[in-house]
N, C-alpha and C. Protein backbone atom coordinates (compact mmCIF):
# COMPACT_ATOMS: atom_id res chain seq x y z
N MET A 1 -14.83 8.97 8.56
CA MET A 1 -13.63 9.84 7.74
C MET A 1 -14.18 10.30 6.59
N ASP A 2 -13.72 11.51 6.10
CA ASP A 2 -14.11 11.94 4.48
C ASP A 2 -13.15 11.65 3.45
N TYR A 3 -11.67 11.14 3.92
CA TYR A 3 -10.90 10.81 3.29
C TYR A 3 -9.79 9.70 3.78
N PHE A 4 -9.53 8.90 3.02
CA PHE A 4 -8.41 7.83 3.69
C PHE A 4 -7.35 7.77 2.44
N ASN A 5 -6.28 8.13 3.20
CA ASN A 5 -4.93 8.22 2.41
C ASN A 5 -4.09 7.06 2.85
N PHE A 6 -4.09 6.00 1.80
CA PHE A 6 -3.58 4.64 1.90
C PHE A 6 -2.08 4.72 2.25
N HIS A 7 -1.57 5.55 1.85
CA HIS A 7 0.18 5.54 2.04
C HIS A 7 0.83 6.70 1.95
N THR A 8 1.37 7.32 3.33
CA THR A 8 1.77 8.64 3.20
C THR A 8 3.19 8.42 4.26
N HIS A 9 3.96 9.20 4.18
CA HIS A 9 5.40 9.10 5.21
C HIS A 9 5.47 10.19 6.16
N ARG A 10 4.12 10.96 6.40
CA ARG A 10 4.04 12.09 7.07
C ARG A 10 2.47 12.26 7.87
N SER A 11 2.30 12.45 9.05
CA SER A 11 1.03 12.56 9.44
C SER A 11 0.66 13.91 9.46
N THR A 12 -0.59 14.33 8.96
CA THR A 12 -0.83 15.72 9.03
C THR A 12 -1.90 16.15 10.01
N ASN A 13 -2.47 15.17 10.73
CA ASN A 13 -3.27 15.19 11.99
C ASN A 13 -4.60 16.30 11.75
N GLN A 14 -5.10 15.90 10.36
CA GLN A 14 -6.23 16.40 9.89
C GLN A 14 -7.46 15.51 10.58
N PRO A 15 -8.57 16.03 11.25
CA PRO A 15 -9.59 15.00 11.62
C PRO A 15 -10.50 14.57 10.59
N GLU A 16 -10.53 14.94 9.55
CA GLU A 16 -11.26 14.45 8.42
C GLU A 16 -10.61 13.57 7.73
N ILE A 17 -9.31 13.32 7.82
CA ILE A 17 -8.61 12.45 7.23
C ILE A 17 -7.69 11.01 7.99
N LEU A 18 -8.38 10.06 7.50
CA LEU A 18 -7.53 8.68 8.17
C LEU A 18 -6.39 8.50 7.43
N GLU A 19 -5.21 8.47 7.98
CA GLU A 19 -3.79 8.36 7.15
C GLU A 19 -2.94 7.28 7.60
N LEU A 20 -2.95 6.30 6.59
CA LEU A 20 -2.00 5.26 7.05
C LEU A 20 -0.52 5.72 7.06
N VAL A 21 -0.05 5.96 7.90
CA VAL A 21 1.69 6.63 7.70
C VAL A 21 2.66 5.28 7.90
N ASN A 22 3.48 5.18 7.05
CA ASN A 22 4.36 4.19 6.83
C ASN A 22 5.53 4.47 7.62
N GLN A 23 5.77 3.32 8.54
CA GLN A 23 6.83 3.34 9.32
C GLN A 23 7.58 2.27 9.13
N TYR A 24 9.05 2.46 9.90
CA TYR A 24 10.22 1.59 9.67
C TYR A 24 10.24 1.01 11.05
N PRO A 25 10.84 -0.47 11.20
CA PRO A 25 10.91 -0.84 12.52
C PRO A 25 11.90 0.03 13.67
N GLN A 26 12.90 0.58 12.76
CA GLN A 26 14.47 0.84 13.76
C GLN A 26 14.03 2.52 13.94
N ASP A 27 12.94 3.21 13.49
CA ASP A 27 12.69 4.44 13.92
C ASP A 27 11.43 4.50 14.33
N PHE A 28 10.85 3.75 14.75
CA PHE A 28 9.29 3.66 14.94
C PHE A 28 8.63 4.79 16.05
N ASP A 29 7.58 5.42 15.44
CA ASP A 29 7.05 6.75 16.23
C ASP A 29 5.90 6.49 16.74
N GLU A 30 6.03 6.27 18.27
CA GLU A 30 4.95 5.85 18.93
C GLU A 30 3.42 6.73 18.88
N ILE A 31 3.89 7.94 18.60
CA ILE A 31 2.64 9.06 18.44
C ILE A 31 1.91 9.14 17.38
N ILE A 32 2.45 8.24 16.33
CA ILE A 32 1.60 8.13 15.06
C ILE A 32 0.19 7.38 15.36
N PRO A 33 -1.12 7.90 15.00
CA PRO A 33 -2.07 7.13 15.65
C PRO A 33 -2.28 5.76 14.68
N VAL A 34 -2.07 5.90 13.45
CA VAL A 34 -2.51 4.70 12.42
C VAL A 34 -1.31 4.53 11.63
N PHE A 35 -0.96 3.12 11.44
CA PHE A 35 0.31 3.05 10.54
C PHE A 35 0.30 1.77 10.14
N SER A 36 1.30 1.54 9.10
CA SER A 36 1.68 0.30 8.73
C SER A 36 3.45 0.25 8.78
N ILE A 37 3.82 -0.94 8.80
CA ILE A 37 5.21 -0.97 9.29
C ILE A 37 5.69 -2.39 8.59
N GLY A 38 6.95 -2.00 7.92
CA GLY A 38 7.61 -3.00 7.12
C GLY A 38 9.24 -2.73 6.67
N ILE A 39 9.65 -3.57 6.50
CA ILE A 39 10.88 -3.65 5.88
C ILE A 39 11.03 -3.32 4.20
N HIS A 40 11.20 -2.02 3.98
CA HIS A 40 11.25 -1.51 2.48
C HIS A 40 12.45 -2.11 1.88
N PRO A 41 12.45 -2.84 0.62
CA PRO A 41 13.74 -3.44 0.07
C PRO A 41 14.75 -2.54 -0.09
N TRP A 42 14.79 -1.25 0.06
CA TRP A 42 15.81 -0.15 -0.30
C TRP A 42 16.52 -0.27 1.20
N TYR A 43 15.96 -0.72 2.32
CA TYR A 43 16.47 -0.55 3.45
C TYR A 43 16.71 -1.88 4.16
N ILE A 44 16.97 -2.85 3.61
CA ILE A 44 17.28 -4.30 4.00
C ILE A 44 18.59 -4.14 4.42
N THR A 45 19.04 -4.27 5.88
CA THR A 45 20.55 -4.47 6.35
C THR A 45 20.30 -6.08 6.88
N GLU A 46 21.04 -6.74 6.18
CA GLU A 46 21.47 -8.33 6.75
C GLU A 46 21.30 -8.37 8.09
N ASP A 47 22.28 -8.03 8.85
CA ASP A 47 22.65 -8.21 10.37
C ASP A 47 21.37 -7.71 11.02
N ARG A 48 20.41 -6.98 10.60
CA ARG A 48 19.25 -6.58 11.36
C ARG A 48 17.85 -6.95 11.04
N ILE A 49 17.99 -8.01 9.98
CA ILE A 49 16.57 -8.33 9.41
C ILE A 49 16.18 -9.14 10.65
N GLU A 50 16.28 -10.17 11.33
CA GLU A 50 15.64 -10.69 12.30
C GLU A 50 14.99 -9.82 13.31
N ALA A 51 15.96 -8.84 13.90
CA ALA A 51 15.54 -7.83 14.86
C ALA A 51 14.55 -7.19 14.17
N ASP A 52 14.68 -6.53 12.93
CA ASP A 52 13.37 -5.73 12.41
C ASP A 52 12.04 -6.77 12.62
N LEU A 53 12.09 -7.84 11.92
CA LEU A 53 10.84 -8.94 11.93
C LEU A 53 10.35 -9.13 13.23
N LYS A 54 11.10 -9.02 14.60
CA LYS A 54 10.39 -9.06 15.70
C LYS A 54 9.68 -7.82 16.17
N ILE A 55 10.40 -6.56 15.67
CA ILE A 55 9.70 -5.50 16.10
C ILE A 55 8.20 -5.34 15.22
N ILE A 56 8.28 -5.67 14.08
CA ILE A 56 7.23 -5.76 12.91
C ILE A 56 6.16 -6.63 13.49
N GLU A 57 6.73 -7.85 14.18
CA GLU A 57 5.55 -8.84 14.61
C GLU A 57 4.83 -8.43 15.98
N SER A 58 5.56 -7.62 16.59
CA SER A 58 4.83 -7.17 17.85
C SER A 58 4.25 -5.97 17.50
N LYS A 59 4.26 -5.15 16.47
CA LYS A 59 3.64 -3.87 16.11
C LYS A 59 2.35 -4.33 15.47
N LEU A 60 2.46 -5.57 14.63
CA LEU A 60 1.29 -6.22 13.92
C LEU A 60 -0.02 -6.56 14.84
N GLN A 61 0.51 -6.41 16.07
CA GLN A 61 -0.43 -7.11 17.07
C GLN A 61 -1.42 -5.95 17.88
N GLN A 62 -1.07 -4.71 17.39
CA GLN A 62 -1.71 -3.58 17.79
C GLN A 62 -2.67 -3.32 16.85
N LYS A 63 -3.80 -2.89 17.38
CA LYS A 63 -5.31 -2.34 16.84
C LYS A 63 -4.80 -1.28 15.69
N ASN A 64 -4.08 -0.27 16.09
CA ASN A 64 -3.76 0.73 15.25
C ASN A 64 -2.88 0.51 13.96
N CYS A 65 -2.13 -0.54 14.15
CA CYS A 65 -1.12 -1.23 12.89
C CYS A 65 -2.35 -1.95 11.93
N LEU A 66 -2.64 -1.26 10.73
CA LEU A 66 -3.32 -1.86 9.93
C LEU A 66 -2.86 -2.48 8.88
N ALA A 67 -1.67 -2.28 8.92
CA ALA A 67 -0.88 -3.17 7.51
C ALA A 67 0.45 -3.52 7.73
N ILE A 68 0.82 -4.53 7.18
CA ILE A 68 2.32 -4.62 6.81
C ILE A 68 2.86 -4.03 5.67
N GLY A 69 4.05 -3.54 5.71
CA GLY A 69 4.47 -2.59 4.46
C GLY A 69 4.95 -1.17 4.65
N GLU A 70 5.70 -0.62 3.85
CA GLU A 70 5.64 -0.91 2.71
C GLU A 70 6.91 -2.19 2.38
N CYS A 71 6.62 -3.29 1.75
CA CYS A 71 7.64 -3.96 1.25
C CYS A 71 7.58 -4.62 0.04
N GLY A 72 8.48 -5.55 -0.58
CA GLY A 72 8.31 -5.79 -1.72
C GLY A 72 9.81 -6.08 -2.54
N LEU A 73 9.73 -5.84 -3.69
CA LEU A 73 10.64 -5.97 -4.70
C LEU A 73 11.20 -5.04 -5.56
N ASP A 74 12.32 -4.82 -5.63
CA ASP A 74 12.94 -3.62 -6.60
C ASP A 74 14.03 -3.88 -7.36
N LYS A 75 14.05 -4.19 -8.78
CA LYS A 75 15.08 -4.55 -9.62
C LYS A 75 16.07 -3.55 -9.94
N ARG A 76 15.68 -2.38 -9.45
CA ARG A 76 16.75 -1.27 -9.73
C ARG A 76 17.62 -0.89 -8.84
N ILE A 77 17.54 -1.67 -7.59
CA ILE A 77 18.31 -1.25 -6.40
C ILE A 77 19.87 -2.48 -6.61
N GLU A 78 20.74 -2.15 -5.72
CA GLU A 78 21.95 -3.20 -5.66
C GLU A 78 21.56 -4.33 -4.89
N ILE A 79 20.68 -4.06 -3.84
CA ILE A 79 20.44 -5.43 -2.99
C ILE A 79 20.18 -6.51 -3.65
N PRO A 80 20.74 -7.44 -3.35
CA PRO A 80 20.63 -8.80 -4.55
C PRO A 80 18.97 -9.40 -4.27
N MET A 81 18.48 -9.78 -5.38
CA MET A 81 17.04 -10.00 -5.40
C MET A 81 16.70 -11.04 -4.45
N GLU A 82 17.47 -12.19 -4.55
CA GLU A 82 17.52 -13.40 -3.51
C GLU A 82 17.24 -13.01 -2.16
N LEU A 83 17.96 -11.89 -1.54
CA LEU A 83 17.73 -11.43 -0.28
C LEU A 83 16.34 -10.32 -0.07
N GLN A 84 16.04 -9.94 -1.30
CA GLN A 84 14.96 -8.99 -1.29
C GLN A 84 13.71 -9.95 -1.10
N GLN A 85 13.74 -11.08 -1.70
CA GLN A 85 12.75 -11.88 -2.08
C GLN A 85 12.66 -12.79 -0.46
N SER A 86 13.66 -13.15 0.08
CA SER A 86 13.46 -13.67 1.27
C SER A 86 12.74 -12.83 2.30
N VAL A 87 13.28 -11.60 2.44
CA VAL A 87 12.71 -10.68 3.35
C VAL A 87 11.23 -10.31 3.17
N PHE A 88 11.04 -10.28 1.73
CA PHE A 88 9.61 -10.11 1.33
C PHE A 88 8.75 -11.20 1.80
N GLU A 89 9.19 -12.43 1.64
CA GLU A 89 8.44 -13.38 1.90
C GLU A 89 8.54 -13.86 3.35
N LYS A 90 9.23 -13.33 4.12
CA LYS A 90 8.94 -13.56 5.76
C LYS A 90 7.94 -12.33 6.22
N GLN A 91 8.05 -11.40 5.68
CA GLN A 91 7.01 -10.52 5.96
C GLN A 91 5.37 -10.96 5.56
N LEU A 92 5.45 -11.67 4.13
CA LEU A 92 4.04 -12.12 3.87
C LEU A 92 3.82 -13.09 4.69
N VAL A 93 4.73 -14.19 5.37
CA VAL A 93 4.37 -14.90 6.42
C VAL A 93 3.46 -14.30 7.45
N LEU A 94 4.08 -13.04 8.08
CA LEU A 94 3.76 -12.20 9.16
C LEU A 94 2.08 -11.88 8.69
N ALA A 95 2.00 -11.44 7.71
CA ALA A 95 0.79 -10.87 7.08
C ALA A 95 -0.24 -11.75 7.28
N GLU A 96 0.05 -13.22 6.70
CA GLU A 96 -1.00 -14.18 7.14
C GLU A 96 -1.41 -14.54 8.36
N LYS A 97 -0.30 -14.66 9.17
CA LYS A 97 -0.31 -14.95 10.29
C LYS A 97 -1.37 -13.99 11.25
N TYR A 98 -1.40 -12.64 10.87
CA TYR A 98 -1.91 -11.81 11.65
C TYR A 98 -3.10 -11.19 11.00
N ARG A 99 -3.35 -11.54 9.86
CA ARG A 99 -4.25 -11.13 8.91
C ARG A 99 -4.33 -9.71 8.75
N LYS A 100 -3.15 -9.47 8.33
CA LYS A 100 -3.12 -7.97 7.79
C LYS A 100 -2.76 -7.51 6.35
N PRO A 101 -3.45 -6.82 5.67
CA PRO A 101 -3.05 -6.47 4.08
C PRO A 101 -1.83 -5.98 3.97
N VAL A 102 -1.30 -6.10 3.08
CA VAL A 102 0.08 -5.90 2.39
C VAL A 102 -0.02 -4.50 1.68
N VAL A 103 1.11 -3.56 2.17
CA VAL A 103 1.38 -2.49 1.19
C VAL A 103 2.47 -2.77 0.51
N ILE A 104 2.45 -2.95 -0.85
CA ILE A 104 3.54 -3.38 -1.93
C ILE A 104 4.20 -2.49 -2.51
N HIS A 105 5.74 -2.44 -2.45
CA HIS A 105 6.57 -1.63 -3.08
C HIS A 105 7.04 -2.56 -4.33
N CYS A 106 6.81 -2.14 -5.39
CA CYS A 106 7.60 -2.91 -6.54
C CYS A 106 7.67 -2.03 -7.68
N VAL A 107 8.96 -2.36 -7.98
CA VAL A 107 9.87 -1.84 -9.29
C VAL A 107 10.46 -2.77 -10.16
N ALA A 108 9.75 -3.09 -11.30
CA ALA A 108 10.14 -3.80 -12.56
C ALA A 108 10.33 -5.14 -11.90
N ALA A 109 9.45 -5.66 -11.07
CA ALA A 109 9.30 -6.70 -10.67
C ALA A 109 7.75 -7.33 -10.31
N PHE A 110 6.74 -6.75 -11.41
CA PHE A 110 5.40 -7.33 -10.99
C PHE A 110 5.27 -8.87 -11.20
N GLN A 111 5.98 -9.33 -12.14
CA GLN A 111 5.51 -10.79 -12.53
C GLN A 111 6.08 -11.72 -11.19
N GLU A 112 7.26 -11.40 -10.77
CA GLU A 112 7.83 -11.84 -9.25
C GLU A 112 6.74 -11.90 -8.37
N VAL A 113 6.58 -10.53 -8.12
CA VAL A 113 5.53 -10.15 -6.78
C VAL A 113 4.02 -11.35 -7.05
N MET A 114 3.54 -11.41 -8.11
CA MET A 114 2.45 -12.32 -8.43
C MET A 114 2.83 -13.60 -8.34
N ASP A 115 4.13 -13.91 -8.79
CA ASP A 115 4.69 -15.41 -8.33
C ASP A 115 4.66 -15.69 -7.10
N THR A 116 5.29 -14.65 -6.20
CA THR A 116 5.39 -14.90 -4.86
C THR A 116 3.95 -15.09 -4.40
N LYS A 117 2.87 -14.21 -4.52
CA LYS A 117 1.70 -14.42 -4.03
C LYS A 117 0.94 -15.72 -4.10
N LYS A 118 1.23 -16.22 -5.39
CA LYS A 118 0.64 -17.59 -5.44
C LYS A 118 1.32 -18.61 -4.69
N LYS A 119 2.82 -18.59 -4.82
CA LYS A 119 3.68 -19.62 -4.26
C LYS A 119 3.11 -19.66 -2.83
N LEU A 120 3.00 -18.74 -2.09
CA LEU A 120 2.89 -18.63 -0.69
C LEU A 120 1.48 -18.83 -0.36
N ASN A 121 0.59 -18.92 -1.72
CA ASN A 121 -1.00 -18.96 -1.10
C ASN A 121 -1.27 -17.90 -0.34
N ILE A 122 -1.04 -16.38 -0.42
CA ILE A 122 -1.43 -15.56 0.34
C ILE A 122 -2.90 -15.01 0.06
N SER A 123 -3.66 -14.91 1.20
CA SER A 123 -5.10 -14.59 1.26
C SER A 123 -5.44 -13.28 1.82
N VAL A 124 -4.55 -12.51 2.22
CA VAL A 124 -4.73 -11.49 2.86
C VAL A 124 -4.80 -10.38 1.69
N PRO A 125 -5.37 -9.08 1.54
CA PRO A 125 -5.24 -8.41 0.48
C PRO A 125 -3.79 -7.73 0.58
N MET A 126 -3.45 -7.74 -0.92
CA MET A 126 -2.14 -6.94 -1.29
C MET A 126 -2.24 -5.90 -2.15
N ILE A 127 -1.67 -4.56 -1.82
CA ILE A 127 -2.07 -3.47 -2.63
C ILE A 127 -0.74 -2.68 -2.85
N ILE A 128 -0.90 -3.05 -4.49
CA ILE A 128 0.46 -2.12 -5.02
C ILE A 128 0.31 -0.64 -4.83
N HIS A 129 1.34 -0.18 -3.66
CA HIS A 129 1.01 1.43 -4.00
C HIS A 129 1.74 2.38 -4.96
N GLY A 130 1.28 3.59 -5.32
CA GLY A 130 2.09 4.28 -6.11
C GLY A 130 1.84 3.83 -7.47
N PHE A 131 1.04 3.08 -8.06
CA PHE A 131 0.73 2.35 -9.26
C PHE A 131 0.95 3.55 -10.34
N SER A 132 1.96 3.17 -11.32
CA SER A 132 2.23 4.12 -12.55
C SER A 132 2.32 3.36 -13.66
N LYS A 133 1.96 2.14 -13.75
CA LYS A 133 2.39 1.36 -15.19
C LYS A 133 0.99 1.59 -16.32
N ASN A 134 1.09 0.55 -16.96
CA ASN A 134 0.10 0.41 -18.05
C ASN A 134 -1.10 -0.20 -17.64
N GLU A 135 -2.18 -0.29 -18.69
CA GLU A 135 -3.23 -0.78 -18.45
C GLU A 135 -3.43 -2.34 -18.38
N GLN A 136 -2.40 -2.88 -19.47
CA GLN A 136 -2.13 -4.38 -19.28
C GLN A 136 -1.73 -5.00 -18.13
N ILE A 137 -0.50 -4.19 -17.59
CA ILE A 137 -0.31 -4.51 -16.28
C ILE A 137 -1.01 -4.27 -15.10
N ALA A 138 -1.91 -3.29 -15.29
CA ALA A 138 -2.88 -3.26 -14.27
C ALA A 138 -4.12 -4.31 -14.00
N GLN A 139 -4.51 -4.68 -15.35
CA GLN A 139 -5.40 -5.56 -15.49
C GLN A 139 -4.77 -6.99 -14.90
N GLN A 140 -3.50 -7.22 -15.19
CA GLN A 140 -3.14 -8.39 -14.74
C GLN A 140 -2.92 -8.69 -13.38
N LEU A 141 -2.63 -7.59 -12.65
CA LEU A 141 -2.48 -7.32 -11.21
C LEU A 141 -3.71 -7.86 -10.67
N ILE A 142 -4.92 -7.05 -11.20
CA ILE A 142 -6.39 -7.09 -10.59
C ILE A 142 -6.63 -8.61 -10.79
N ALA A 143 -6.45 -9.02 -12.18
CA ALA A 143 -6.87 -10.44 -12.08
C ALA A 143 -6.12 -11.71 -11.25
N ASN A 144 -5.04 -11.35 -10.87
CA ASN A 144 -4.35 -12.03 -9.85
C ASN A 144 -4.58 -11.61 -8.23
N GLY A 145 -5.68 -10.82 -8.11
CA GLY A 145 -6.30 -10.40 -6.85
C GLY A 145 -5.70 -9.26 -6.10
N PHE A 146 -4.66 -8.33 -6.92
CA PHE A 146 -4.25 -7.39 -6.10
C PHE A 146 -5.13 -6.07 -6.24
N TYR A 147 -4.88 -5.26 -5.50
CA TYR A 147 -5.67 -3.81 -5.44
C TYR A 147 -4.49 -2.86 -6.01
N LEU A 148 -4.74 -1.55 -6.47
CA LEU A 148 -3.80 -0.61 -6.96
C LEU A 148 -4.21 0.52 -5.97
N SER A 149 -3.26 1.19 -5.79
CA SER A 149 -3.34 2.64 -5.13
C SER A 149 -2.59 3.58 -6.05
N PHE A 150 -3.25 4.71 -6.07
CA PHE A 150 -2.92 5.82 -7.08
C PHE A 150 -2.63 7.05 -6.40
N GLY A 151 -1.52 7.82 -6.65
CA GLY A 151 -1.41 9.05 -6.13
C GLY A 151 -0.39 9.97 -6.81
N LYS A 152 1.00 9.83 -6.49
CA LYS A 152 1.82 10.87 -6.88
C LYS A 152 1.77 10.84 -8.65
N TYR A 153 1.69 9.41 -8.99
CA TYR A 153 1.92 9.54 -10.57
C TYR A 153 0.54 9.74 -11.09
N LEU A 154 -0.38 9.84 -10.46
CA LEU A 154 -1.87 10.35 -11.00
C LEU A 154 -1.81 11.64 -11.14
N LEU A 155 -1.24 12.51 -10.24
CA LEU A 155 -1.19 13.80 -10.38
C LEU A 155 -0.15 14.23 -11.32
N ARG A 156 1.18 13.46 -11.32
CA ARG A 156 1.94 13.74 -12.35
C ARG A 156 2.10 13.72 -13.89
N ASN A 157 1.44 12.34 -13.92
CA ASN A 157 1.52 11.64 -15.27
C ASN A 157 0.14 11.72 -15.97
N PRO A 158 -0.24 12.58 -16.78
CA PRO A 158 -1.72 12.68 -17.59
C PRO A 158 -1.92 11.32 -18.29
N GLU A 159 -0.95 10.47 -18.55
CA GLU A 159 -1.06 9.25 -19.50
C GLU A 159 -1.91 8.17 -18.49
N LEU A 160 -1.65 8.64 -17.41
CA LEU A 160 -2.38 7.26 -16.36
C LEU A 160 -3.82 7.77 -16.23
N GLU A 161 -4.38 8.58 -16.88
CA GLU A 161 -5.88 9.10 -16.51
C GLU A 161 -6.45 7.67 -17.34
N THR A 162 -6.35 7.33 -18.49
CA THR A 162 -7.00 6.20 -19.18
C THR A 162 -6.79 4.76 -18.31
N VAL A 163 -5.44 4.59 -17.91
CA VAL A 163 -5.32 3.50 -17.16
C VAL A 163 -6.25 3.56 -15.91
N PHE A 164 -6.12 4.65 -15.05
CA PHE A 164 -6.98 4.68 -13.62
C PHE A 164 -8.49 4.58 -14.01
N GLN A 165 -8.90 5.30 -15.16
CA GLN A 165 -10.49 4.93 -15.56
C GLN A 165 -10.94 3.57 -15.94
N SER A 166 -9.93 2.55 -16.52
CA SER A 166 -10.28 1.31 -16.45
C SER A 166 -10.43 0.41 -15.31
N ILE A 167 -10.02 0.87 -14.22
CA ILE A 167 -10.06 0.24 -12.94
C ILE A 167 -11.11 0.17 -12.55
N SER A 168 -11.75 -1.33 -12.26
CA SER A 168 -12.88 -1.34 -11.46
C SER A 168 -12.92 -0.59 -10.37
N ASN A 169 -13.98 -0.24 -9.77
CA ASN A 169 -13.98 0.70 -8.58
C ASN A 169 -14.03 0.29 -7.39
N ASP A 170 -14.09 -1.25 -7.16
CA ASP A 170 -13.84 -1.80 -6.14
C ASP A 170 -12.37 -2.41 -5.97
N LYS A 171 -11.49 -2.03 -6.76
CA LYS A 171 -10.09 -2.55 -6.68
C LYS A 171 -8.95 -1.38 -6.71
N PHE A 172 -9.41 0.09 -6.38
CA PHE A 172 -8.04 0.94 -6.02
C PHE A 172 -8.71 1.59 -4.75
N LEU A 173 -7.57 2.25 -4.17
CA LEU A 173 -7.45 3.14 -3.31
C LEU A 173 -6.55 4.41 -3.80
N LEU A 174 -6.55 5.35 -2.82
CA LEU A 174 -5.82 6.69 -3.18
C LEU A 174 -4.89 7.01 -2.17
N GLU A 175 -3.74 7.59 -2.48
CA GLU A 175 -2.67 8.16 -1.40
C GLU A 175 -1.86 9.06 -2.10
N THR A 176 -0.78 9.78 -1.01
CA THR A 176 -0.06 11.09 -1.50
C THR A 176 1.20 10.33 -1.47
N ASP A 177 1.88 9.49 -0.68
CA ASP A 177 3.10 8.92 -0.85
C ASP A 177 3.86 10.30 -0.30
N THR A 178 5.02 10.68 -1.15
CA THR A 178 5.88 11.68 -0.50
C THR A 178 5.35 13.14 -1.29
N VAL A 179 4.29 13.30 -2.16
CA VAL A 179 4.00 14.58 -2.66
C VAL A 179 3.68 15.58 -1.81
N GLU A 180 3.82 16.82 -2.09
CA GLU A 180 3.25 17.97 -1.13
C GLU A 180 1.86 18.31 -1.33
N GLU A 181 1.33 17.83 -2.49
CA GLU A 181 -0.31 17.96 -2.42
C GLU A 181 -1.01 16.88 -1.58
N GLY A 182 -2.08 17.57 -0.98
CA GLY A 182 -2.78 16.98 0.02
C GLY A 182 -3.68 15.80 -0.70
N ILE A 183 -4.57 14.83 0.26
CA ILE A 183 -4.88 13.93 -0.62
C ILE A 183 -6.50 14.48 -0.85
N GLN A 184 -6.80 15.37 -0.42
CA GLN A 184 -8.04 16.17 -1.09
C GLN A 184 -7.77 16.44 -2.58
N GLU A 185 -6.42 16.78 -2.86
CA GLU A 185 -6.34 17.14 -4.39
C GLU A 185 -6.28 15.74 -5.32
N VAL A 186 -5.87 14.60 -4.64
CA VAL A 186 -5.63 13.29 -5.23
C VAL A 186 -7.40 12.92 -5.64
N TYR A 187 -8.07 12.97 -4.45
CA TYR A 187 -9.42 12.63 -4.57
C TYR A 187 -10.07 13.48 -5.70
N ALA A 188 -9.86 14.82 -5.78
CA ALA A 188 -10.56 15.79 -6.84
C ALA A 188 -10.10 15.22 -8.21
N LEU A 189 -8.98 15.24 -8.67
CA LEU A 189 -8.37 14.51 -9.80
C LEU A 189 -9.12 13.07 -10.14
N ALA A 190 -9.03 12.16 -9.03
CA ALA A 190 -9.52 10.93 -9.38
C ALA A 190 -11.30 11.03 -9.60
N ALA A 191 -11.90 11.98 -9.05
CA ALA A 191 -13.38 11.81 -9.24
C ALA A 191 -13.49 12.54 -10.62
N LYS A 192 -12.61 13.62 -11.14
CA LYS A 192 -12.82 14.03 -12.51
C LYS A 192 -12.33 12.92 -13.33
N TYR A 193 -11.35 12.11 -13.27
CA TYR A 193 -11.14 11.04 -14.31
C TYR A 193 -12.35 10.19 -14.33
N LYS A 194 -12.92 9.84 -13.06
CA LYS A 194 -13.91 8.85 -13.07
C LYS A 194 -15.23 9.55 -13.56
N ASN A 195 -15.21 10.56 -13.69
CA ASN A 195 -16.70 11.37 -13.89
C ASN A 195 -17.52 11.27 -13.00
N ILE A 196 -17.13 11.27 -11.77
CA ILE A 196 -18.05 11.26 -10.50
C ILE A 196 -17.87 12.37 -9.68
N ASP A 197 -19.19 12.76 -8.91
CA ASP A 197 -18.78 13.44 -7.72
C ASP A 197 -17.95 12.99 -6.69
N LEU A 198 -17.49 14.09 -5.84
CA LEU A 198 -16.75 13.61 -4.67
C LEU A 198 -17.05 12.81 -3.93
N LYS A 199 -18.64 12.98 -3.40
CA LYS A 199 -19.33 12.08 -2.58
C LYS A 199 -19.40 10.85 -2.71
N LYS A 200 -19.29 10.43 -4.30
CA LYS A 200 -19.62 8.88 -4.78
C LYS A 200 -18.06 8.43 -4.51
N LEU A 201 -17.11 9.25 -5.03
CA LEU A 201 -15.90 8.75 -4.67
C LEU A 201 -15.33 8.20 -3.41
N GLN A 202 -15.91 9.35 -2.33
CA GLN A 202 -15.70 8.92 -1.02
C GLN A 202 -16.22 7.67 -0.56
N ASN A 203 -17.76 7.56 -0.87
CA ASN A 203 -18.33 6.36 -0.76
C ASN A 203 -17.56 4.98 -1.40
N ILE A 204 -16.88 5.12 -2.59
CA ILE A 204 -16.32 4.15 -3.03
C ILE A 204 -15.00 3.84 -2.15
N ILE A 205 -14.13 4.58 -1.78
CA ILE A 205 -13.08 4.42 -0.94
C ILE A 205 -13.57 3.82 0.32
N GLN A 206 -14.63 4.53 0.88
CA GLN A 206 -15.10 3.85 2.32
C GLN A 206 -15.26 2.50 1.97
N HIS A 207 -15.91 1.93 1.01
CA HIS A 207 -16.28 0.59 0.71
C HIS A 207 -15.03 -0.10 0.69
N ASN A 208 -14.13 0.05 -0.23
CA ASN A 208 -13.05 -0.44 -0.39
C ASN A 208 -12.19 -0.60 0.89
N PHE A 209 -11.95 0.40 1.64
CA PHE A 209 -11.35 0.27 2.97
C PHE A 209 -12.08 -0.57 3.94
N ASN A 210 -13.29 -0.75 3.75
CA ASN A 210 -14.06 -1.49 4.95
C ASN A 210 -13.69 -2.99 4.36
N THR A 211 -13.49 -3.41 3.09
CA THR A 211 -13.24 -4.61 2.78
C THR A 211 -11.81 -4.99 2.89
N ILE A 212 -10.96 -4.20 2.52
CA ILE A 212 -9.61 -4.65 2.66
C ILE A 212 -9.26 -4.50 4.30
N PHE A 213 -9.72 -3.48 5.03
CA PHE A 213 -9.26 -3.42 6.34
C PHE A 213 -10.33 -4.13 7.38
N LYS A 214 -11.00 -5.14 6.67
CA LYS A 214 -12.23 -5.37 7.76
C LYS A 214 -11.77 -6.22 9.15
N ASN A 215 -10.35 -6.58 9.15
CA ASN A 215 -9.88 -7.14 10.52
C ASN A 215 -9.07 -6.22 11.65
N GLY A 216 -8.90 -4.83 10.74
CA GLY A 216 -8.45 -3.92 11.61
C GLY A 216 -9.07 -2.50 11.40
N ARG A 217 -10.28 -2.48 11.60
CA ARG A 217 -11.35 -1.30 11.38
C ARG A 217 -10.93 -0.13 12.33
N VAL A 218 -10.68 1.06 12.10
CA VAL A 218 -10.60 2.12 13.01
C VAL A 218 -11.83 3.23 12.98
N ASP A 219 -12.35 3.27 13.83
CA ASP A 219 -13.56 3.97 13.85
C ASP A 219 -13.36 5.54 13.88
């Protein structure tokens, strides 16, 4: 692969790009070649949680399922935090069982996510997708064993340049999420911010991919 898109909601089927397409249990698309699957905190439905978890567990056993998620915590929605926490923890237990990395959605709940990782003694890689916060939060997350993925906000918010520059090269991934720009544009900006050429950035991402997804590598 020339490019790895860590988190996107649509497949573009470009041969040079490995895309980790986000999927939801209730509208799973079998034709997506490589995917993650999880219960997003926005879409928690109490009477469907156990059924969703069963679907997730079955899909985690497929080779082309590289990760669980996106899942996590969001303090800016009406779904009670206690319920969000319970659903998040159940998915982390599955991540440990099947040795799958976790795509994390986190809004205003970074301390809670870090505390949960510690409480459950999670050993699989956990990646905060769509990181948009300051350097202090970034370094705190990295110190607690998290990776950070940059994309939409890197393109939209110039203030993230210095935050991104501060991230160790072995601790980040790149993504598009829902933006119209392609992953190539994210790579180009990331290379500019890191003051390296595209090939070196591609090698960095390849190395990080191999480290994070060593139990679910796709050739």
